[in-house]
Amino acid sequence: MRYKDKGFKANPGDTILLGTFHEWNGTYYIDVSIDLYGHIMFNQAVLHETRHMIVEHLRDKKIIDLTKYTEEIAQSQNSYYDELFNSGVYLLNLKNKEEL
């Protein structure tokens, strides 16, 4: 994906967009900046956006609404938010098993 910012050619201190996610027709998609192709930060950006996506999915499935803390969860730098996130994923897995 090519975002409209300057990517890694931006000036130091400028904010650049490395990835986003969206839902379309009931399916989630992750878009990652072309600037990350072959870059060591690619996996980190995908994981970050995946965590955002899971937070949204937990809300959509009425498990827990953590959208207020989505950036902290995506960054995975706060053990309290990580525990809430992990608990939500656990409850989602339980719900999915019950539906089988």
Protein backbone atom coordinates (compact mmCIF):
# COMPACT_ATOMS: atom_id res chain seq x y z
CA MET A 1 0.00 0.00 0.00
CA ARG A 2 1.29 3.46 -0.82
CA TYR A 3 0.17 5.99 1.75
CA LYS A 4 0.03 9.69 0.87
CA ASP A 5 2.74 10.68 3.35
CA LYS A 6 6.47 10.65 2.52
CA GLY A 7 7.13 7.33 4.26
CA PHE A 8 10.74 6.85 5.30
CA LYS A 9 11.69 9.87 3.17
CA ALA A 10 9.84 12.13 5.63
CA ASN A 11 11.70 14.62 7.78
CA PRO A 12 12.78 13.45 11.25
CA GLY A 13 9.92 13.96 13.68
CA ASP A 14 7.23 13.77 10.98
CA THR A 15 4.50 11.20 11.57
CA ILE A 16 4.25 8.53 8.91
CA LEU A 17 1.67 5.79 8.44
CA LEU A 18 3.11 2.28 8.37
CA GLY A 19 -0.08 0.25 8.46
CA THR A 20 -3.83 0.23 8.86
CA PHE A 21 -6.61 -2.30 8.97
CA HIS A 22 -10.16 -2.19 7.74
CA GLU A 23 -13.23 -4.36 7.53
CA TRP A 24 -15.03 -4.87 4.24
CA ASN A 25 -17.95 -7.21 3.62
CA GLY A 26 -17.41 -8.91 6.98
CA THR A 27 -13.71 -9.61 6.35
CA TYR A 28 -10.77 -7.87 8.01
CA TYR A 29 -7.81 -6.67 5.94
CA ILE A 30 -4.41 -5.31 6.94
CA ASP A 31 -2.67 -2.75 4.73
CA VAL A 32 1.05 -2.21 5.24
CA SER A 33 3.14 0.58 3.75
CA ILE A 34 5.22 -0.43 0.72
CA ASP A 35 8.12 1.27 2.52
CA LEU A 36 8.22 -1.74 4.86
CA TYR A 37 8.70 -4.28 2.07
CA GLY A 38 11.84 -6.20 2.98
CA HIS A 39 12.34 -4.02 6.09
CA ILE A 40 12.91 -5.45 9.55
CA MET A 41 9.89 -3.49 10.85
CA PHE A 42 7.45 -5.33 8.55
CA ASN A 43 6.58 -8.07 11.06
CA GLN A 44 6.22 -5.53 13.85
CA ALA A 45 3.78 -3.44 11.78
CA VAL A 46 1.70 -6.51 10.88
CA LEU A 47 1.54 -7.60 14.53
CA HIS A 48 0.58 -4.06 15.60
CA GLU A 49 -2.27 -3.87 13.08
CA THR A 50 -3.39 -7.42 13.89
CA ARG A 51 -3.77 -6.47 17.54
CA HIS A 52 -5.89 -3.43 16.51
CA MET A 53 -7.99 -5.76 14.37
CA ILE A 54 -8.52 -8.25 17.20
CA VAL A 55 -9.59 -5.44 19.55
CA GLU A 56 -12.23 -4.46 16.97
CA HIS A 57 -13.31 -8.09 16.55
CA LEU A 58 -13.68 -8.51 20.33
CA ARG A 59 -15.98 -5.47 20.35
CA ASP A 60 -17.96 -6.69 17.33
CA LYS A 61 -18.50 -10.09 19.00
CA LYS A 62 -19.61 -8.34 22.21
CA ILE A 63 -16.84 -9.97 24.27
CA ILE A 64 -15.21 -6.80 25.61
CA ASP A 65 -14.84 -3.25 24.32
CA LEU A 66 -11.19 -2.26 24.56
CA THR A 67 -11.28 0.30 21.74
CA LYS A 68 -10.42 3.10 24.15
CA TYR A 69 -7.09 1.32 24.78
CA THR A 70 -6.45 -0.01 21.27
CA GLU A 71 -3.19 1.88 20.70
CA GLU A 72 -1.74 0.77 24.04
CA ILE A 73 -2.77 -2.81 23.25
CA ALA A 74 -1.32 -2.64 19.73
CA GLN A 75 1.98 -1.40 21.16
CA SER A 76 1.95 -4.20 23.76
CA GLN A 77 3.85 -2.09 26.26
CA ASN A 78 1.45 -2.22 29.20
CA SER A 79 0.99 -5.50 31.05
CA TYR A 80 -2.46 -4.52 32.38
CA TYR A 81 -3.84 -3.86 28.90
CA ASP A 82 -2.11 -6.98 27.59
CA GLU A 83 -3.84 -9.07 30.27
CA LEU A 84 -7.24 -7.58 29.37
CA PHE A 85 -6.54 -8.27 25.70
CA ASN A 86 -5.38 -11.84 26.36
CA SER A 87 -8.42 -12.48 28.55
CA GLY A 88 -10.69 -11.18 25.80
CA VAL A 89 -9.05 -13.49 23.26
CA TYR A 90 -9.46 -16.40 25.69
CA LEU A 91 -13.18 -15.64 26.11
CA LEU A 92 -13.58 -15.32 22.34
CA ASN A 93 -12.01 -18.75 21.87
CA LEU A 94 -14.38 -20.21 24.48
CA LYS A 95 -17.37 -18.64 22.73
CA ASN A 96 -16.21 -20.01 19.37
CA LYS A 97 -15.84 -23.54 20.80
CA GLU A 98 -19.34 -23.35 22.27
CA GLU A 99 -20.75 -22.38 18.87
CA LEU A 100 -19.28 -25.48 17.17
